[in-house]
Amino acid sequence: MEKILDMLSLEDAAQAFAALGSDQRLAVLQALVAAGPNGLATGALAARLAMPASTLSHHIKILREAGLVSQTRQGRTLLLTAAFETVERVSAYLMLNCCAEASASDHNLDRSSS
């Protein structure tokens, strides 16, 4: 777990969580995660989410700045993909200290009930 901390700073985690603080951006990321490593063309993503291109562009910019989405150009098509490694790190960051204090508090409860 320490390796995750080395790879994802508090600032990077905060930026990622801030980027995901919008229901529309969360929907964009979920659609790209569902699409898998092949991603989706911008037009297909906009159609899937019933989102105007200008709105999608705004949200993609924020997600890209947070490192959650990447884009590549294939000819005239802009292809969007989830940055799976970053998404995994953000998820792991949430779980980093999972239940770390539960055992201590459970232990204290056991003593007080004796």
N, C-alpha and C. Protein backbone atom coordinates (compact mmCIF):
# COMPACT_ATOMS: atom_id res chain seq x y z
N MET A 1 0.80 -1.20 0.00
CA MET A 1 0.00 0.00 0.00
C MET A 1 0.85 1.27 0.00
N GLU A 2 2.04 1.24 0.59
CA GLU A 2 2.89 2.43 0.61
C GLU A 2 3.25 2.86 -0.80
N LYS A 3 3.37 1.91 -1.70
CA LYS A 3 3.70 2.23 -3.09
C LYS A 3 2.63 3.14 -3.70
N ILE A 4 1.38 2.93 -3.34
CA ILE A 4 0.29 3.77 -3.84
C ILE A 4 0.48 5.20 -3.39
N LEU A 5 0.87 5.38 -2.12
CA LEU A 5 1.10 6.73 -1.61
C LEU A 5 2.21 7.42 -2.39
N ASP A 6 3.26 6.67 -2.74
CA ASP A 6 4.35 7.24 -3.51
C ASP A 6 3.88 7.70 -4.88
N MET A 7 2.91 7.01 -5.44
CA MET A 7 2.47 7.30 -6.80
C MET A 7 1.38 8.36 -6.84
N LEU A 8 0.65 8.54 -5.79
CA LEU A 8 -0.48 9.48 -5.79
C LEU A 8 -0.36 10.40 -4.59
N SER A 9 -0.03 11.65 -4.84
CA SER A 9 0.11 12.60 -3.75
C SER A 9 -1.28 13.06 -3.28
N LEU A 10 -1.30 13.67 -2.13
CA LEU A 10 -2.54 14.21 -1.59
C LEU A 10 -3.13 15.22 -2.57
N GLU A 11 -2.28 16.05 -3.17
CA GLU A 11 -2.74 17.06 -4.13
C GLU A 11 -3.35 16.41 -5.37
N ASP A 12 -2.69 15.35 -5.88
CA ASP A 12 -3.22 14.65 -7.05
C ASP A 12 -4.55 13.98 -6.74
N ALA A 13 -4.63 13.39 -5.56
CA ALA A 13 -5.89 12.76 -5.15
C ALA A 13 -7.00 13.81 -5.04
N ALA A 14 -6.68 14.94 -4.43
CA ALA A 14 -7.68 16.00 -4.28
C ALA A 14 -8.13 16.52 -5.64
N GLN A 15 -7.20 16.66 -6.58
CA GLN A 15 -7.57 17.13 -7.92
C GLN A 15 -8.47 16.10 -8.61
N ALA A 16 -8.16 14.84 -8.46
CA ALA A 16 -8.99 13.80 -9.07
C ALA A 16 -10.39 13.80 -8.47
N PHE A 17 -10.48 13.88 -7.15
CA PHE A 17 -11.79 13.88 -6.50
C PHE A 17 -12.58 15.14 -6.84
N ALA A 18 -11.90 16.26 -6.97
CA ALA A 18 -12.58 17.50 -7.38
C ALA A 18 -13.13 17.35 -8.79
N ALA A 19 -12.35 16.75 -9.67
CA ALA A 19 -12.81 16.54 -11.05
C ALA A 19 -14.03 15.63 -11.09
N LEU A 20 -14.10 14.69 -10.18
CA LEU A 20 -15.23 13.76 -10.14
C LEU A 20 -16.41 14.30 -9.35
N GLY A 21 -16.30 15.54 -8.88
CA GLY A 21 -17.35 16.14 -8.09
C GLY A 21 -18.55 16.62 -8.89
N SER A 22 -18.55 16.38 -10.17
CA SER A 22 -19.66 16.75 -11.03
C SER A 22 -20.33 15.48 -11.53
N ASP A 23 -21.65 15.44 -11.47
CA ASP A 23 -22.35 14.24 -11.95
C ASP A 23 -22.08 14.00 -13.43
N GLN A 24 -21.93 15.06 -14.21
CA GLN A 24 -21.66 14.89 -15.64
C GLN A 24 -20.26 14.33 -15.88
N ARG A 25 -19.27 14.80 -15.14
CA ARG A 25 -17.92 14.28 -15.31
C ARG A 25 -17.83 12.83 -14.83
N LEU A 26 -18.52 12.53 -13.77
CA LEU A 26 -18.56 11.15 -13.29
C LEU A 26 -19.19 10.25 -14.35
N ALA A 27 -20.25 10.72 -15.00
CA ALA A 27 -20.89 9.95 -16.06
C ALA A 27 -19.94 9.75 -17.24
N VAL A 28 -19.16 10.78 -17.58
CA VAL A 28 -18.19 10.66 -18.66
C VAL A 28 -17.17 9.59 -18.32
N LEU A 29 -16.61 9.65 -17.13
CA LEU A 29 -15.60 8.67 -16.74
C LEU A 29 -16.20 7.26 -16.69
N GLN A 30 -17.39 7.12 -16.16
CA GLN A 30 -18.02 5.80 -16.10
C GLN A 30 -18.23 5.23 -17.51
N ALA A 31 -18.65 6.08 -18.45
CA ALA A 31 -18.85 5.62 -19.82
C ALA A 31 -17.53 5.19 -20.45
N LEU A 32 -16.46 5.92 -20.17
CA LEU A 32 -15.16 5.57 -20.73
C LEU A 32 -14.60 4.31 -20.08
N VAL A 33 -14.82 4.12 -18.79
CA VAL A 33 -14.40 2.89 -18.12
C VAL A 33 -15.16 1.72 -18.73
N ALA A 34 -16.46 1.88 -18.94
CA ALA A 34 -17.27 0.82 -19.53
C ALA A 34 -16.82 0.49 -20.96
N ALA A 35 -16.35 1.49 -21.69
CA ALA A 35 -15.92 1.28 -23.07
C ALA A 35 -14.63 0.47 -23.14
N GLY A 36 -13.87 0.46 -22.06
CA GLY A 36 -12.65 -0.32 -22.04
C GLY A 36 -11.48 0.40 -22.68
N PRO A 37 -10.40 -0.33 -22.91
CA PRO A 37 -9.16 0.30 -23.39
C PRO A 37 -9.25 0.88 -24.80
N ASN A 38 -10.25 0.49 -25.57
CA ASN A 38 -10.41 1.06 -26.91
C ASN A 38 -11.01 2.45 -26.87
N GLY A 39 -11.66 2.79 -25.78
CA GLY A 39 -12.23 4.13 -25.61
C GLY A 39 -13.40 4.39 -26.54
N LEU A 40 -13.72 5.67 -26.65
CA LEU A 40 -14.83 6.11 -27.50
C LEU A 40 -14.44 7.37 -28.24
N ALA A 41 -14.95 7.50 -29.44
CA ALA A 41 -14.79 8.75 -30.17
C ALA A 41 -15.63 9.81 -29.46
N THR A 42 -15.18 11.05 -29.55
CA THR A 42 -15.87 12.14 -28.86
C THR A 42 -17.35 12.20 -29.24
N GLY A 43 -17.64 12.08 -30.51
CA GLY A 43 -19.03 12.13 -30.98
C GLY A 43 -19.87 11.00 -30.41
N ALA A 44 -19.29 9.81 -30.35
CA ALA A 44 -20.02 8.66 -29.80
C ALA A 44 -20.28 8.84 -28.31
N LEU A 45 -19.30 9.40 -27.61
CA LEU A 45 -19.47 9.65 -26.18
C LEU A 45 -20.54 10.70 -25.94
N ALA A 46 -20.52 11.77 -26.74
CA ALA A 46 -21.53 12.83 -26.60
C ALA A 46 -22.92 12.27 -26.87
N ALA A 47 -23.04 11.42 -27.87
CA ALA A 47 -24.34 10.82 -28.19
C ALA A 47 -24.80 9.88 -27.08
N ARG A 48 -23.87 9.07 -26.57
CA ARG A 48 -24.21 8.13 -25.51
C ARG A 48 -24.71 8.84 -24.27
N LEU A 49 -24.12 10.00 -23.96
CA LEU A 49 -24.49 10.74 -22.75
C LEU A 49 -25.52 11.83 -23.01
N ALA A 50 -25.94 11.97 -24.27
CA ALA A 50 -26.87 13.04 -24.67
C ALA A 50 -26.36 14.39 -24.16
N MET A 51 -25.09 14.65 -24.46
CA MET A 51 -24.42 15.85 -23.98
C MET A 51 -23.92 16.66 -25.17
N PRO A 52 -24.18 17.96 -25.18
CA PRO A 52 -23.66 18.78 -26.28
C PRO A 52 -22.13 18.73 -26.33
N ALA A 53 -21.58 18.82 -27.53
CA ALA A 53 -20.13 18.72 -27.72
C ALA A 53 -19.37 19.75 -26.90
N SER A 54 -19.88 20.96 -26.81
CA SER A 54 -19.17 22.00 -26.06
C SER A 54 -19.14 21.68 -24.57
N THR A 55 -20.21 21.13 -24.04
CA THR A 55 -20.26 20.74 -22.64
C THR A 55 -19.31 19.58 -22.38
N LEU A 56 -19.33 18.60 -23.29
CA LEU A 56 -18.44 17.45 -23.15
C LEU A 56 -16.98 17.91 -23.19
N SER A 57 -16.67 18.80 -24.08
CA SER A 57 -15.30 19.32 -24.20
C SER A 57 -14.83 19.93 -22.88
N HIS A 58 -15.69 20.70 -22.26
CA HIS A 58 -15.37 21.33 -20.97
C HIS A 58 -15.06 20.26 -19.92
N HIS A 59 -15.91 19.25 -19.84
CA HIS A 59 -15.73 18.21 -18.83
C HIS A 59 -14.49 17.36 -19.12
N ILE A 60 -14.24 17.08 -20.38
CA ILE A 60 -13.06 16.31 -20.76
C ILE A 60 -11.80 17.05 -20.36
N LYS A 61 -11.79 18.36 -20.55
CA LYS A 61 -10.61 19.17 -20.19
C LYS A 61 -10.28 19.00 -18.71
N ILE A 62 -11.29 19.07 -17.86
CA ILE A 62 -11.09 18.94 -16.42
C ILE A 62 -10.62 17.53 -16.05
N LEU A 63 -11.22 16.53 -16.67
CA LEU A 63 -10.82 15.15 -16.40
C LEU A 63 -9.40 14.87 -16.89
N ARG A 64 -9.03 15.47 -18.01
CA ARG A 64 -7.66 15.30 -18.52
C ARG A 64 -6.66 15.97 -17.59
N GLU A 65 -6.97 17.17 -17.11
CA GLU A 65 -6.07 17.87 -16.18
C GLU A 65 -5.86 17.08 -14.90
N ALA A 66 -6.87 16.32 -14.50
CA ALA A 66 -6.76 15.49 -13.30
C ALA A 66 -6.10 14.14 -13.60
N GLY A 67 -5.79 13.89 -14.86
CA GLY A 67 -5.13 12.65 -15.24
C GLY A 67 -6.04 11.44 -15.31
N LEU A 68 -7.35 11.67 -15.36
CA LEU A 68 -8.30 10.56 -15.37
C LEU A 68 -8.71 10.11 -16.76
N VAL A 69 -8.47 10.97 -17.75
CA VAL A 69 -8.85 10.68 -19.13
C VAL A 69 -7.70 11.08 -20.05
N SER A 70 -7.51 10.30 -21.10
CA SER A 70 -6.53 10.68 -22.11
C SER A 70 -7.22 10.73 -23.46
N GLN A 71 -6.61 11.47 -24.36
CA GLN A 71 -7.18 11.57 -25.70
C GLN A 71 -6.08 11.44 -26.73
N THR A 72 -6.43 10.84 -27.84
CA THR A 72 -5.52 10.71 -28.97
C THR A 72 -6.30 11.02 -30.23
N ARG A 73 -5.59 11.50 -31.19
CA ARG A 73 -6.22 11.81 -32.48
C ARG A 73 -5.91 10.68 -33.44
N GLN A 74 -6.96 10.17 -34.08
CA GLN A 74 -6.82 9.17 -35.13
C GLN A 74 -7.47 9.74 -36.38
N GLY A 75 -6.62 10.34 -37.21
CA GLY A 75 -7.16 11.03 -38.37
C GLY A 75 -7.95 12.24 -37.92
N ARG A 76 -9.21 12.26 -38.28
CA ARG A 76 -10.07 13.38 -37.88
C ARG A 76 -10.85 13.10 -36.61
N THR A 77 -10.65 11.92 -36.07
CA THR A 77 -11.40 11.50 -34.88
C THR A 77 -10.58 11.70 -33.62
N LEU A 78 -11.22 12.25 -32.61
CA LEU A 78 -10.60 12.39 -31.30
C LEU A 78 -11.10 11.23 -30.44
N LEU A 79 -10.17 10.37 -30.03
CA LEU A 79 -10.51 9.18 -29.27
C LEU A 79 -10.21 9.42 -27.79
N LEU A 80 -11.19 9.15 -26.95
CA LEU A 80 -11.06 9.35 -25.50
C LEU A 80 -11.02 8.00 -24.80
N THR A 81 -10.12 7.88 -23.84
CA THR A 81 -10.04 6.66 -23.04
C THR A 81 -9.86 7.03 -21.57
N ALA A 82 -10.36 6.16 -20.72
CA ALA A 82 -10.12 6.33 -19.29
C ALA A 82 -8.65 6.02 -19.03
N ALA A 83 -8.05 6.78 -18.15
CA ALA A 83 -6.67 6.51 -17.72
C ALA A 83 -6.77 5.48 -16.59
N PHE A 84 -6.86 4.22 -16.98
CA PHE A 84 -7.17 3.16 -16.03
C PHE A 84 -6.19 3.09 -14.86
N GLU A 85 -4.92 3.33 -15.12
CA GLU A 85 -3.93 3.27 -14.04
C GLU A 85 -4.22 4.34 -12.99
N THR A 86 -4.56 5.53 -13.44
CA THR A 86 -4.88 6.62 -12.50
C THR A 86 -6.18 6.34 -11.78
N VAL A 87 -7.17 5.85 -12.50
CA VAL A 87 -8.45 5.51 -11.87
C VAL A 87 -8.24 4.46 -10.79
N GLU A 88 -7.38 3.48 -11.07
CA GLU A 88 -7.07 2.46 -10.06
C GLU A 88 -6.38 3.07 -8.85
N ARG A 89 -5.44 3.99 -9.09
CA ARG A 89 -4.71 4.62 -7.98
C ARG A 89 -5.66 5.44 -7.12
N VAL A 90 -6.59 6.14 -7.76
CA VAL A 90 -7.55 6.96 -7.01
C VAL A 90 -8.45 6.04 -6.16
N SER A 91 -8.88 4.95 -6.74
CA SER A 91 -9.70 3.99 -5.99
C SER A 91 -8.92 3.40 -4.82
N ALA A 92 -7.68 3.04 -5.07
CA ALA A 92 -6.84 2.47 -4.02
C ALA A 92 -6.56 3.50 -2.94
N TYR A 93 -6.44 4.76 -3.32
CA TYR A 93 -6.19 5.82 -2.35
C TYR A 93 -7.33 5.90 -1.35
N LEU A 94 -8.56 5.74 -1.84
CA LEU A 94 -9.72 5.75 -0.94
C LEU A 94 -9.66 4.63 0.08
N MET A 95 -9.16 3.49 -0.35
CA MET A 95 -9.16 2.31 0.50
C MET A 95 -7.86 2.14 1.28
N LEU A 96 -6.94 3.05 1.12
CA LEU A 96 -5.61 2.92 1.68
C LEU A 96 -5.62 2.60 3.17
N ASN A 97 -6.42 3.27 3.94
CA ASN A 97 -6.45 3.06 5.38
C ASN A 97 -7.73 2.37 5.83
N CYS A 98 -8.29 1.61 4.94
CA CYS A 98 -9.55 0.93 5.24
C CYS A 98 -9.45 0.13 6.53
N CYS A 99 -10.31 0.42 7.43
CA CYS A 99 -10.47 -0.32 8.69
C CYS A 99 -9.24 -0.25 9.59
N ALA A 100 -8.34 0.69 9.33
CA ALA A 100 -7.12 0.80 10.13
C ALA A 100 -7.42 1.06 11.60
N GLU A 101 -8.48 1.79 11.86
CA GLU A 101 -8.81 2.11 13.24
C GLU A 101 -9.88 1.19 13.81
N ALA A 102 -10.49 0.39 12.97
CA ALA A 102 -11.57 -0.48 13.44
C ALA A 102 -11.06 -1.50 14.44
N SER A 103 -9.92 -2.09 14.18
CA SER A 103 -9.43 -3.12 15.10
C SER A 103 -9.09 -2.52 16.46
N ALA A 104 -8.55 -1.32 16.47
CA ALA A 104 -8.22 -0.67 17.74
C ALA A 104 -9.49 -0.35 18.52
N SER A 105 -10.49 0.18 17.87
CA SER A 105 -11.72 0.52 18.57
C SER A 105 -12.47 -0.74 18.98
N ASP A 106 -12.43 -1.78 18.13
CA ASP A 106 -13.06 -3.04 18.50
C ASP A 106 -12.38 -3.63 19.72
N HIS A 107 -11.05 -3.52 19.76
CA HIS A 107 -10.30 -4.03 20.90
C HIS A 107 -10.66 -3.26 22.18
N ASN A 108 -10.82 -1.95 22.06
CA ASN A 108 -11.20 -1.16 23.23
C ASN A 108 -12.61 -1.52 23.71
N LEU A 109 -13.50 -1.80 22.78
CA LEU A 109 -14.85 -2.20 23.16
C LEU A 109 -14.84 -3.53 23.90
N ASP A 110 -13.98 -4.44 23.46
CA ASP A 110 -13.88 -5.74 24.12
C ASP A 110 -13.45 -5.58 25.57
N ARG A 111 -12.52 -4.67 25.82
CA ARG A 111 -12.02 -4.46 27.20
C ARG A 111 -13.11 -3.86 28.09
N SER A 112 -13.87 -2.90 27.57
CA SER A 112 -14.85 -2.22 28.40
C SER A 112 -16.03 -3.12 28.73
N SER A 113 -16.28 -4.13 27.93
CA SER A 113 -17.40 -5.00 28.22
C SER A 113 -17.03 -6.13 29.15
N SER A 114 -15.74 -6.27 29.48
CA SER A 114 -15.31 -7.37 30.37
C SER A 114 -15.55 -7.04 31.81
